[in-house]
Structures are given as structure tokens and as C-alpha cells.
Amino acid sequence: MAYDERLAARVRSAMARRRGVAEKKMFGGVGFLLGGNMCCGVWKEFLIARIGPGAYDDALEQTDVQQFDITGRPMRGWVMVGPEAVRAEGDLRSWVQQCITFTRSLPAKSA
């Protein structure tokens, strides 16, 4: 399984109508960029959430959330959110909004 197409469609819907959103195939999945910065993505059955270092430890305390580590080197400020944690639409949208909020705090990258 490359990545969950249904989850990607749900993320795409949650990101709709926002300025500066781009979608890019990456790391065997799909990434969603905002202002040129990686915001969130889908890898296998996981939502990859860029939440920032300040929210990282609290996020890891939640059920079905783990470190983002697909290369053997965990990335602080990023988590992998499992299917149970995003089954409800409101839960997915909450994670995506958290990603958007953090990513908007970063300087935009030029194309």
C-alpha cells in the first residue's frame, strides 16, 4: 500500500479553499504544502502531522499517535496519527487545523 487514497481525499477536502496550498507526491505518500512549507501528508494509513515542537510531547500522549519516523531518525514536531485517531471527520479536521496553524507561523517559501 503506497498510501490511503481515502484519507488523502479527506485531507484534501479539509485543506480546500485555502490560499497557497499545493499537493506533492513524496516519501511514498502525498504531502500538502502551505506557503511552500510542508504542512501535513498521508503515508500508508497515517496522517503525517506537522504540529511543531511546542505541541509535540502532548500529541504523543494521545491514543494512536506516534513519532514520525520512517527513516530511522524521528522528526521532532511531526507525528504519525493512526487511523483510529482520525476516523471521525471532526478529529481529522482538528489535526489538519493544528498543522495549518503551525505552518502559517513559518515564513513562506518562494516557489
N, C-alpha and C. Protein backbone atom coordinates (compact mmCIF):
# COMPACT_ATOMS: atom_id res chain seq x y z
N MET A 1 0.84 -1.17 0.00
CA MET A 1 0.00 0.00 0.00
C MET A 1 0.89 1.25 0.00
N ALA A 2 0.78 2.05 -1.01
CA ALA A 2 1.56 3.29 -1.06
C ALA A 2 1.03 4.27 -0.01
N TYR A 3 -0.22 4.64 -0.11
CA TYR A 3 -0.86 5.48 0.90
C TYR A 3 -2.37 5.38 0.75
N ASP A 4 -3.07 5.69 1.82
CA ASP A 4 -4.53 5.59 1.88
C ASP A 4 -5.15 6.73 1.07
N GLU A 5 -5.66 6.39 -0.10
CA GLU A 5 -6.25 7.39 -1.00
C GLU A 5 -7.48 8.05 -0.38
N ARG A 6 -8.24 7.30 0.40
CA ARG A 6 -9.44 7.87 1.04
C ARG A 6 -9.04 8.91 2.08
N LEU A 7 -8.01 8.61 2.86
CA LEU A 7 -7.53 9.58 3.84
C LEU A 7 -6.99 10.81 3.12
N ALA A 8 -6.27 10.62 2.04
CA ALA A 8 -5.74 11.76 1.27
C ALA A 8 -6.88 12.64 0.76
N ALA A 9 -7.97 12.02 0.30
CA ALA A 9 -9.13 12.79 -0.19
C ALA A 9 -9.76 13.58 0.95
N ARG A 10 -9.80 12.99 2.13
CA ARG A 10 -10.36 13.70 3.29
C ARG A 10 -9.49 14.88 3.68
N VAL A 11 -8.17 14.69 3.64
CA VAL A 11 -7.25 15.79 3.95
C VAL A 11 -7.38 16.87 2.88
N ARG A 12 -7.46 16.46 1.63
CA ARG A 12 -7.61 17.40 0.52
C ARG A 12 -8.85 18.27 0.75
N SER A 13 -9.94 17.65 1.18
CA SER A 13 -11.18 18.37 1.46
C SER A 13 -10.99 19.35 2.62
N ALA A 14 -10.28 18.92 3.65
CA ALA A 14 -10.04 19.78 4.82
C ALA A 14 -9.14 20.97 4.47
N MET A 15 -8.31 20.81 3.46
CA MET A 15 -7.39 21.88 3.04
C MET A 15 -8.00 22.77 1.96
N ALA A 16 -9.16 22.38 1.44
CA ALA A 16 -9.77 23.09 0.31
C ALA A 16 -10.04 24.56 0.66
N ARG A 17 -10.01 25.37 -0.37
CA ARG A 17 -10.31 26.80 -0.30
C ARG A 17 -9.33 27.60 0.55
N ARG A 18 -8.16 27.08 0.74
CA ARG A 18 -7.11 27.83 1.45
C ARG A 18 -6.09 28.29 0.41
N ARG A 19 -5.63 29.48 0.56
CA ARG A 19 -4.63 30.02 -0.37
C ARG A 19 -3.28 29.40 -0.10
N GLY A 20 -2.54 29.19 -1.17
CA GLY A 20 -1.16 28.74 -1.05
C GLY A 20 -0.99 27.26 -0.79
N VAL A 21 -2.04 26.46 -1.04
CA VAL A 21 -1.95 25.01 -0.82
C VAL A 21 -1.48 24.33 -2.10
N ALA A 22 -0.54 23.43 -1.95
CA ALA A 22 -0.05 22.62 -3.07
C ALA A 22 0.04 21.18 -2.59
N GLU A 23 -0.13 20.28 -3.52
CA GLU A 23 -0.05 18.85 -3.22
C GLU A 23 1.13 18.27 -3.98
N LYS A 24 1.88 17.41 -3.30
CA LYS A 24 3.08 16.86 -3.93
C LYS A 24 3.27 15.41 -3.49
N LYS A 25 3.56 14.54 -4.45
CA LYS A 25 3.89 13.15 -4.12
C LYS A 25 5.27 13.15 -3.48
N MET A 26 5.39 12.51 -2.33
CA MET A 26 6.67 12.45 -1.65
C MET A 26 6.68 11.32 -0.63
N PHE A 27 7.86 10.84 -0.30
CA PHE A 27 8.12 9.79 0.67
C PHE A 27 7.16 8.61 0.55
N GLY A 28 6.78 8.24 -0.68
CA GLY A 28 5.87 7.12 -0.88
C GLY A 28 4.44 7.45 -0.50
N GLY A 29 4.16 8.71 -0.36
CA GLY A 29 2.82 9.16 0.01
C GLY A 29 2.51 10.45 -0.70
N VAL A 30 1.73 11.28 -0.04
CA VAL A 30 1.37 12.58 -0.60
C VAL A 30 1.52 13.62 0.50
N GLY A 31 2.10 14.76 0.13
CA GLY A 31 2.28 15.85 1.07
C GLY A 31 1.45 17.05 0.66
N PHE A 32 1.00 17.80 1.65
CA PHE A 32 0.25 19.02 1.40
C PHE A 32 1.08 20.18 1.94
N LEU A 33 1.41 21.10 1.06
CA LEU A 33 2.24 22.23 1.41
C LEU A 33 1.37 23.47 1.54
N LEU A 34 1.78 24.37 2.41
CA LEU A 34 1.08 25.62 2.62
C LEU A 34 2.14 26.71 2.63
N GLY A 35 2.02 27.64 1.68
CA GLY A 35 3.04 28.69 1.58
C GLY A 35 4.42 28.15 1.29
N GLY A 36 4.47 26.99 0.62
CA GLY A 36 5.75 26.38 0.27
C GLY A 36 6.35 25.51 1.37
N ASN A 37 5.73 25.49 2.54
CA ASN A 37 6.20 24.68 3.65
C ASN A 37 5.34 23.42 3.78
N MET A 38 5.98 22.31 4.09
CA MET A 38 5.24 21.08 4.33
C MET A 38 4.31 21.31 5.53
N CYS A 39 3.05 20.93 5.37
CA CYS A 39 2.03 21.15 6.40
C CYS A 39 1.57 19.82 6.99
N CYS A 40 1.17 18.91 6.13
CA CYS A 40 0.71 17.59 6.57
C CYS A 40 0.78 16.66 5.37
N GLY A 41 0.50 15.40 5.60
CA GLY A 41 0.56 14.45 4.50
C GLY A 41 -0.07 13.14 4.88
N VAL A 42 -0.01 12.21 3.96
CA VAL A 42 -0.52 10.87 4.18
C VAL A 42 0.56 9.89 3.75
N TRP A 43 0.87 8.97 4.63
CA TRP A 43 1.84 7.91 4.36
C TRP A 43 1.23 6.61 4.89
N LYS A 44 1.11 5.64 3.99
CA LYS A 44 0.40 4.40 4.33
C LYS A 44 -0.96 4.77 4.87
N GLU A 45 -1.30 4.32 6.09
CA GLU A 45 -2.62 4.63 6.65
C GLU A 45 -2.55 5.78 7.66
N PHE A 46 -1.43 6.47 7.71
CA PHE A 46 -1.21 7.52 8.70
C PHE A 46 -1.36 8.92 8.14
N LEU A 47 -1.91 9.80 8.97
CA LEU A 47 -1.83 11.23 8.72
C LEU A 47 -0.49 11.67 9.29
N ILE A 48 0.31 12.31 8.48
CA ILE A 48 1.57 12.88 8.95
C ILE A 48 1.26 14.33 9.30
N ALA A 49 1.42 14.67 10.57
CA ALA A 49 1.01 15.98 11.06
C ALA A 49 2.21 16.79 11.53
N ARG A 50 2.39 17.96 10.94
CA ARG A 50 3.44 18.88 11.37
C ARG A 50 2.80 19.84 12.37
N ILE A 51 3.05 19.60 13.63
CA ILE A 51 2.38 20.34 14.69
C ILE A 51 3.32 21.29 15.42
N GLY A 52 4.61 21.14 15.20
CA GLY A 52 5.60 22.00 15.84
C GLY A 52 6.11 21.43 17.15
N PRO A 53 7.30 21.84 17.54
CA PRO A 53 7.92 21.32 18.76
C PRO A 53 7.12 21.59 20.03
N GLY A 54 6.41 22.70 20.09
CA GLY A 54 5.65 23.05 21.29
C GLY A 54 4.49 22.13 21.59
N ALA A 55 3.93 21.51 20.58
CA ALA A 55 2.78 20.62 20.75
C ALA A 55 3.16 19.15 20.69
N TYR A 56 4.43 18.88 20.43
CA TYR A 56 4.91 17.53 20.16
C TYR A 56 4.69 16.55 21.32
N ASP A 57 5.16 16.88 22.50
CA ASP A 57 5.06 15.96 23.63
C ASP A 57 3.60 15.66 23.99
N ASP A 58 2.75 16.69 23.99
CA ASP A 58 1.33 16.48 24.29
C ASP A 58 0.68 15.59 23.24
N ALA A 59 1.04 15.77 22.00
CA ALA A 59 0.45 14.96 20.92
C ALA A 59 0.80 13.49 21.11
N LEU A 60 2.04 13.22 21.50
CA LEU A 60 2.47 11.82 21.68
C LEU A 60 1.75 11.13 22.83
N GLU A 61 1.12 11.88 23.70
CA GLU A 61 0.35 11.30 24.81
C GLU A 61 -1.02 10.81 24.34
N GLN A 62 -1.44 11.23 23.17
CA GLN A 62 -2.77 10.87 22.67
C GLN A 62 -2.77 9.45 22.10
N THR A 63 -3.94 8.84 22.13
CA THR A 63 -4.12 7.49 21.61
C THR A 63 -3.90 7.45 20.10
N ASP A 64 -3.18 6.46 19.63
CA ASP A 64 -2.92 6.20 18.22
C ASP A 64 -2.08 7.29 17.54
N VAL A 65 -1.18 7.89 18.32
CA VAL A 65 -0.25 8.90 17.80
C VAL A 65 1.16 8.45 18.18
N GLN A 66 2.07 8.54 17.22
CA GLN A 66 3.45 8.13 17.47
C GLN A 66 4.42 9.07 16.76
N GLN A 67 5.69 8.93 17.08
CA GLN A 67 6.72 9.74 16.43
C GLN A 67 6.67 9.53 14.92
N PHE A 68 6.98 10.58 14.19
CA PHE A 68 7.14 10.46 12.74
C PHE A 68 8.56 9.97 12.50
N ASP A 69 8.64 8.70 12.16
CA ASP A 69 9.95 8.08 11.96
C ASP A 69 9.82 7.01 10.89
N ILE A 70 10.06 7.40 9.65
CA ILE A 70 10.00 6.43 8.56
C ILE A 70 11.40 6.17 7.99
N THR A 71 12.39 6.86 8.56
CA THR A 71 13.76 6.73 8.05
C THR A 71 14.74 6.25 9.12
N GLY A 72 14.26 6.02 10.33
CA GLY A 72 15.15 5.67 11.42
C GLY A 72 15.63 6.88 12.20
N ARG A 73 15.14 8.04 11.82
CA ARG A 73 15.50 9.27 12.51
C ARG A 73 14.23 10.08 12.78
N PRO A 74 13.69 10.00 14.01
CA PRO A 74 12.44 10.71 14.33
C PRO A 74 12.58 12.21 14.10
N MET A 75 11.48 12.82 13.68
CA MET A 75 11.47 14.26 13.44
C MET A 75 10.62 14.93 14.52
N ARG A 76 11.26 15.67 15.40
CA ARG A 76 10.54 16.36 16.47
C ARG A 76 9.64 17.44 15.86
N GLY A 77 8.43 17.50 16.35
CA GLY A 77 7.47 18.47 15.82
C GLY A 77 6.55 17.86 14.77
N TRP A 78 6.81 16.62 14.41
CA TRP A 78 5.99 15.88 13.44
C TRP A 78 5.52 14.59 14.11
N VAL A 79 4.27 14.20 13.88
CA VAL A 79 3.76 12.95 14.42
C VAL A 79 3.02 12.17 13.33
N MET A 80 2.90 10.88 13.58
CA MET A 80 2.11 10.00 12.73
C MET A 80 0.82 9.71 13.49
N VAL A 81 -0.29 10.08 12.90
CA VAL A 81 -1.59 9.92 13.53
C VAL A 81 -2.27 8.72 12.87
N GLY A 82 -2.55 7.70 13.66
CA GLY A 82 -3.12 6.47 13.14
C GLY A 82 -4.59 6.58 12.81
N PRO A 83 -5.11 5.58 12.11
CA PRO A 83 -6.49 5.59 11.62
C PRO A 83 -7.55 5.81 12.70
N GLU A 84 -7.36 5.23 13.87
CA GLU A 84 -8.36 5.39 14.93
C GLU A 84 -8.48 6.84 15.39
N ALA A 85 -7.39 7.56 15.36
CA ALA A 85 -7.39 8.95 15.84
C ALA A 85 -7.98 9.93 14.84
N VAL A 86 -8.19 9.50 13.59
CA VAL A 86 -8.77 10.40 12.58
C VAL A 86 -10.01 9.80 11.91
N ARG A 87 -10.57 8.77 12.55
CA ARG A 87 -11.76 8.13 11.97
C ARG A 87 -12.92 9.13 11.87
N ALA A 88 -13.16 9.89 12.94
CA ALA A 88 -14.22 10.90 12.92
C ALA A 88 -13.75 12.12 12.13
N GLU A 89 -14.64 12.66 11.34
CA GLU A 89 -14.29 13.81 10.50
C GLU A 89 -13.82 15.00 11.32
N GLY A 90 -14.46 15.24 12.45
CA GLY A 90 -14.07 16.35 13.31
C GLY A 90 -12.66 16.18 13.85
N ASP A 91 -12.27 14.94 14.16
CA ASP A 91 -10.92 14.68 14.66
C ASP A 91 -9.88 14.95 13.57
N LEU A 92 -10.17 14.49 12.35
CA LEU A 92 -9.24 14.75 11.24
C LEU A 92 -9.10 16.25 11.02
N ARG A 93 -10.21 16.95 10.97
CA ARG A 93 -10.16 18.39 10.72
C ARG A 93 -9.42 19.13 11.84
N SER A 94 -9.55 18.65 13.06
CA SER A 94 -8.83 19.26 14.18
C SER A 94 -7.31 19.09 14.00
N TRP A 95 -6.87 17.90 13.61
CA TRP A 95 -5.44 17.67 13.36
C TRP A 95 -4.96 18.55 12.21
N VAL A 96 -5.73 18.59 11.12
CA VAL A 96 -5.32 19.39 9.96
C VAL A 96 -5.25 20.86 10.35
N GLN A 97 -6.21 21.34 11.14
CA GLN A 97 -6.18 22.74 11.56
C GLN A 97 -4.96 23.03 12.41
N GLN A 98 -4.59 22.10 13.26
CA GLN A 98 -3.39 22.27 14.08
C GLN A 98 -2.15 22.39 13.19
N CYS A 99 -2.10 21.57 12.14
CA CYS A 99 -0.99 21.64 11.18
C CYS A 99 -0.97 22.98 10.46
N ILE A 100 -2.13 23.44 10.04
CA ILE A 100 -2.24 24.71 9.33
C ILE A 100 -1.78 25.86 10.23
N THR A 101 -2.25 25.84 11.47
CA THR A 101 -1.88 26.90 12.41
C THR A 101 -0.37 26.97 12.60
N PHE A 102 0.27 25.81 12.79
CA PHE A 102 1.72 25.83 12.96
C PHE A 102 2.42 26.27 11.67
N THR A 103 2.02 25.71 10.55
CA THR A 103 2.70 26.01 9.29
C THR A 103 2.57 27.48 8.92
N ARG A 104 1.43 28.08 9.22
CA ARG A 104 1.27 29.52 8.95
C ARG A 104 2.17 30.39 9.82
N SER A 105 2.68 29.83 10.89
CA SER A 105 3.59 30.60 11.75
C SER A 105 5.01 30.67 11.16
N LEU A 106 5.25 29.90 10.12
CA LEU A 106 6.57 29.86 9.47
C LEU A 106 6.63 30.86 8.33
N PRO A 107 7.81 31.36 8.01
CA PRO A 107 7.93 32.24 6.84
C PRO A 107 7.62 31.44 5.57
N ALA A 108 6.86 32.04 4.68
CA ALA A 108 6.54 31.38 3.40
C ALA A 108 7.81 31.23 2.58
N LYS A 109 7.85 30.14 1.84
CA LYS A 109 8.98 29.89 0.93
C LYS A 109 8.56 30.31 -0.47
N SER A 110 9.48 30.89 -1.20
CA SER A 110 9.17 31.26 -2.58
C SER A 110 9.27 30.03 -3.46
N ALA A 111 8.48 30.01 -4.51
CA ALA A 111 8.42 28.85 -5.39
C ALA A 111 9.63 28.69 -6.25
